[in-house]
Structure formats: C-alpha cells, structure tokens
C-alpha atoms as a PDB file:
ATOM      1  CA  MET A   1      87.488  12.561   7.157  1.00  0.00           C
ATOM      2  CA  GLU A   2      84.299  11.872   8.901  1.00  0.00           C
ATOM      3  CA  PHE A   3      82.441   8.569   8.659  1.00  0.00           C
ATOM      4  CA  GLU A   4      79.520  10.104   6.784  1.00  0.00           C
ATOM      5  CA  THR A   5      81.834  11.612   4.186  1.00  0.00           C
ATOM      6  CA  ILE A   6      83.632   8.315   3.650  1.00  0.00           C
ATOM      7  CA  LEU A   7      80.299   6.546   3.325  1.00  0.00           C
ATOM      8  CA  LYS A   8      79.104   9.074   0.732  1.00  0.00           C
ATOM      9  CA  VAL A   9      82.310   8.599  -1.296  1.00  0.00           C
ATOM     10  CA  ILE A  10      81.895   4.810  -1.223  1.00  0.00           C
ATOM     11  CA  VAL A  11      78.234   5.051  -2.275  1.00  0.00           C
ATOM     12  CA  MET A  12      79.129   7.422  -5.117  1.00  0.00           C
ATOM     13  CA  ALA A  13      81.945   5.104  -6.313  1.00  0.00           C
ATOM     14  CA  VAL A  14      79.689   2.037  -6.204  1.00  0.00           C
ATOM     15  CA  ALA A  15      76.968   3.917  -8.067  1.00  0.00           C
ATOM     16  CA  ALA A  16      79.441   5.206 -10.658  1.00  0.00           C
ATOM     17  CA  VAL A  17      80.701   1.686 -11.335  1.00  0.00           C
ATOM     18  CA  GLY A  18      77.579  -0.364 -10.562  1.00  0.00           C
ATOM     19  CA  ILE A  19      75.125   1.429 -12.818  1.00  0.00           C
ATOM     20  CA  PRO A  20      77.118   0.914 -16.058  1.00  0.00           C
ATOM     21  CA  VAL A  21      77.937  -2.690 -15.117  1.00  0.00           C
ATOM     22  CA  GLY A  22      74.282  -3.394 -14.339  1.00  0.00           C
ATOM     23  CA  ALA A  23      73.172  -1.793 -17.593  1.00  0.00           C
ATOM     24  CA  TYR A  24      75.703  -3.861 -19.570  1.00  0.00           C
ATOM     25  CA  ALA A  25      74.502  -7.045 -17.843  1.00  0.00           C
ATOM     26  CA  ALA A  26      70.890  -6.194 -18.640  1.00  0.00           C
ATOM     27  CA  ILE A  27      71.715  -5.565 -22.301  1.00  0.00           C
ATOM     28  CA  ALA A  28      73.722  -8.794 -22.554  1.00  0.00           C
ATOM     29  CA  ALA A  29      70.913 -10.788 -20.928  1.00  0.00           C
ATOM     30  CA  THR A  30      68.330  -9.263 -23.262  1.00  0.00           C
ATOM     31  CA  ARG A  31      70.430 -10.067 -26.318  1.00  0.00           C
ATOM     32  CA  SER A  32      70.964 -13.651 -25.225  1.00  0.00           C
ATOM     33  CA  ILE A  33      67.245 -14.121 -24.610  1.00  0.00           C
ATOM     34  CA  TRP A  34      66.033 -12.532 -27.854  1.00  0.00           C
ATOM     35  CA  ALA A  35      68.864 -13.634 -30.139  1.00  0.00           C
ATOM     36  CA  ARG A  36      67.972 -16.087 -32.867  1.00  0.00           C
ATOM     37  CA  PRO A  37      69.676 -19.424 -32.483  1.00  0.00           C
ATOM     38  CA  THR A  38      72.211 -19.960 -35.212  1.00  0.00           C
ATOM     39  CA  PRO A  39      73.193 -23.409 -36.330  1.00  0.00           C
ATOM     40  CA  SER A  40      76.507 -24.271 -34.841  1.00  0.00           C
ATOM     41  CA  ALA A  41      78.948 -27.090 -35.252  1.00  0.00           C
ATOM     42  CA  GLN A  42      77.378 -28.842 -32.279  1.00  0.00           C
ATOM     43  CA  ASP A  43      73.936 -28.687 -33.866  1.00  0.00           C
ATOM     44  CA  ALA A  44      75.302 -30.126 -37.097  1.00  0.00           C
ATOM     45  CA  ALA A  45      77.097 -32.881 -35.194  1.00  0.00           C
ATOM     46  CA  ALA A  46      73.938 -33.655 -33.227  1.00  0.00           C
ATOM     47  CA  ALA A  47      71.925 -33.868 -36.462  1.00  0.00           C
ATOM     48  CA  ALA A  48      74.517 -36.229 -37.940  1.00  0.00           C
ATOM     49  CA  ASP A  49      74.393 -38.390 -34.808  1.00  0.00           C
ATOM     50  CA  ILE A  50      70.603 -38.536 -34.957  1.00  0.00           C
ATOM     51  CA  ALA A  51      70.703 -39.534 -38.624  1.00  0.00           C
ATOM     52  CA  ALA A  52      73.251 -42.258 -37.859  1.00  0.00           C
ATOM     53  CA  LEU A  53      71.114 -43.576 -35.001  1.00  0.00           C
ATOM     54  CA  GLN A  54      68.018 -43.623 -37.198  1.00  0.00           C
ATOM     55  CA  GLU A  55      69.928 -45.623 -39.814  1.00  0.00           C
ATOM     56  CA  ARG A  56      71.055 -48.099 -37.135  1.00  0.00           C
ATOM     57  CA  VAL A  57      67.452 -48.501 -35.949  1.00  0.00           C
ATOM     58  CA  ARG A  58      66.357 -49.289 -39.509  1.00  0.00           C
ATOM     59  CA  GLU A  59      69.155 -51.869 -39.800  1.00  0.00           C
ATOM     60  CA  LEU A  60      68.164 -53.481 -36.490  1.00  0.00           C
ATOM     61  CA  GLU A  61      64.518 -53.652 -37.553  1.00  0.00           C
ATOM     62  CA  ALA A  62      65.538 -55.368 -40.798  1.00  0.00           C
ATOM     63  CA  LEU A  63      67.756 -57.810 -38.902  1.00  0.00           C
ATOM     64  CA  SER A  64      64.925 -58.522 -36.502  1.00  0.00           C
ATOM     65  CA  GLY A  65      62.736 -59.503 -39.449  1.00  0.00           C
ATOM     66  CA  HIS A  66      65.453 -61.757 -40.817  1.00  0.00           C
ATOM     67  CA  MET A  67      65.888 -63.352 -37.385  1.00  0.00           C
ATOM     68  CA  ALA A  68      62.155 -64.097 -37.149  1.00  0.00           C
ATOM     69  CA  GLU A  69      62.246 -65.721 -40.601  1.00  0.00           C
ATOM     70  CA  LEU A  70      65.235 -67.863 -39.614  1.00  0.00           C
ATOM     71  CA  GLU A  71      63.465 -68.955 -36.419  1.00  0.00           C
ATOM     72  CA  GLU A  72      60.446 -70.061 -38.469  1.00  0.00           C
ATOM     73  CA  ARG A  73      62.684 -72.008 -40.842  1.00  0.00           C
ATOM     74  CA  LEU A  74      64.455 -73.681 -37.916  1.00  0.00           C
ATOM     75  CA  ASP A  75      61.129 -74.694 -36.368  1.00  0.00           C
ATOM     76  CA  PHE A  76      60.010 -76.138 -39.706  1.00  0.00           C
ATOM     77  CA  ALA A  77      63.250 -78.092 -40.108  1.00  0.00           C
ATOM     78  CA  GLU A  78      62.950 -79.479 -36.572  1.00  0.00           C
ATOM     79  CA  ARG A  79      59.383 -80.614 -37.257  1.00  0.00           C
ATOM     80  CA  LEU A  80      60.538 -82.380 -40.441  1.00  0.00           C
ATOM     81  CA  LEU A  81      63.323 -84.162 -38.549  1.00  0.00           C
ATOM     82  CA  VAL A  82      60.903 -85.312 -35.869  1.00  0.00           C
ATOM     83  CA  ARG A  83      58.532 -86.687 -38.543  1.00  0.00           C
ATOM     84  CA  GLN A  84      61.378 -88.566 -40.243  1.00  0.00           C
ATOM     85  CA  ARG A  85      62.518 -90.110 -36.950  1.00  0.00           C
ATOM     86  CA  GLU A  86      58.984 -91.177 -36.082  1.00  0.00           C
ATOM     87  CA  ALA A  87      58.451 -92.671 -39.545  1.00  0.00           C
ATOM     88  CA  ALA A  88      61.792 -94.552 -39.399  1.00  0.00           C
ATOM     89  CA  ARG A  89      60.973 -96.239 -36.092  1.00  0.00           C
ATOM     90  CA  LEU A  90      59.756 -99.775 -36.093  1.00  0.00           C
ATOM     91  CA  PRO A  91      56.276-100.319 -34.713  1.00  0.00           C
ATOM     92  CA  GLY A  92      57.350-101.897 -31.382  1.00  0.00           C
ATOM     93  CA  GLU A  93      60.590 -99.979 -30.816  1.00  0.00           C
ATOM     94  CA  THR A  94      61.061 -97.582 -27.897  1.00  0.00           C
ATOM     95  CA  GLU A  95      63.463 -94.707 -28.034  1.00  0.00           C
ATOM     96  CA  VAL A  96      66.368 -94.702 -25.571  1.00  0.00           C
ATOM     97  CA  ARG A  97      67.709 -91.347 -24.523  1.00  0.00           C
END
C-alpha cells in the first residue's frame, strides 16, 4: 500500500471513532453542567456538621458569659479580702511580705 492510502485509512478510522467519542463527551459535559444538584449523603453530612458547629459556638458563647461573671465575682471577693486585711491592721503596723 502506498503512504497516502495508509494515511487515508488512518484518518477515516480516527474520524469514525473520534466523532462519536467527541459527541458523547460533549453530551456528558452538557448534562453535568446543566444538571440540577441533588442532595447527597455528603450534603446531609455537611449540614449536620454545620449544625453541630453552630451548637458548639452557642455553648462557647454561653460559657464565655459565665466566665466573665466568675471573673467579676473573683475581683469583688479579692477587694473584700483586701479591705478586711486593711481594717484588721493596727495603726502603726507594717506588712511583711
């Protein structure tokens, strides 16, 4: 066979196979682009994770408020102790540390 004949056979074979494969790829790409997203197990799991994280954030915010209240109470108690120590001292006494 001549080179030109072999080349024509190869081009015809590639065209016979390539055109249907290209068309199938184009159809598959179009479907994937235009398809509606359906909720999947991953989406449901992600939603559950987000809900759990939001709950944890609410808990941390509540604990932060409790911590601030405890800090205020501790400051108040320390001030009361300092007042009691100062009142219990004798007038000429110096504190030794």
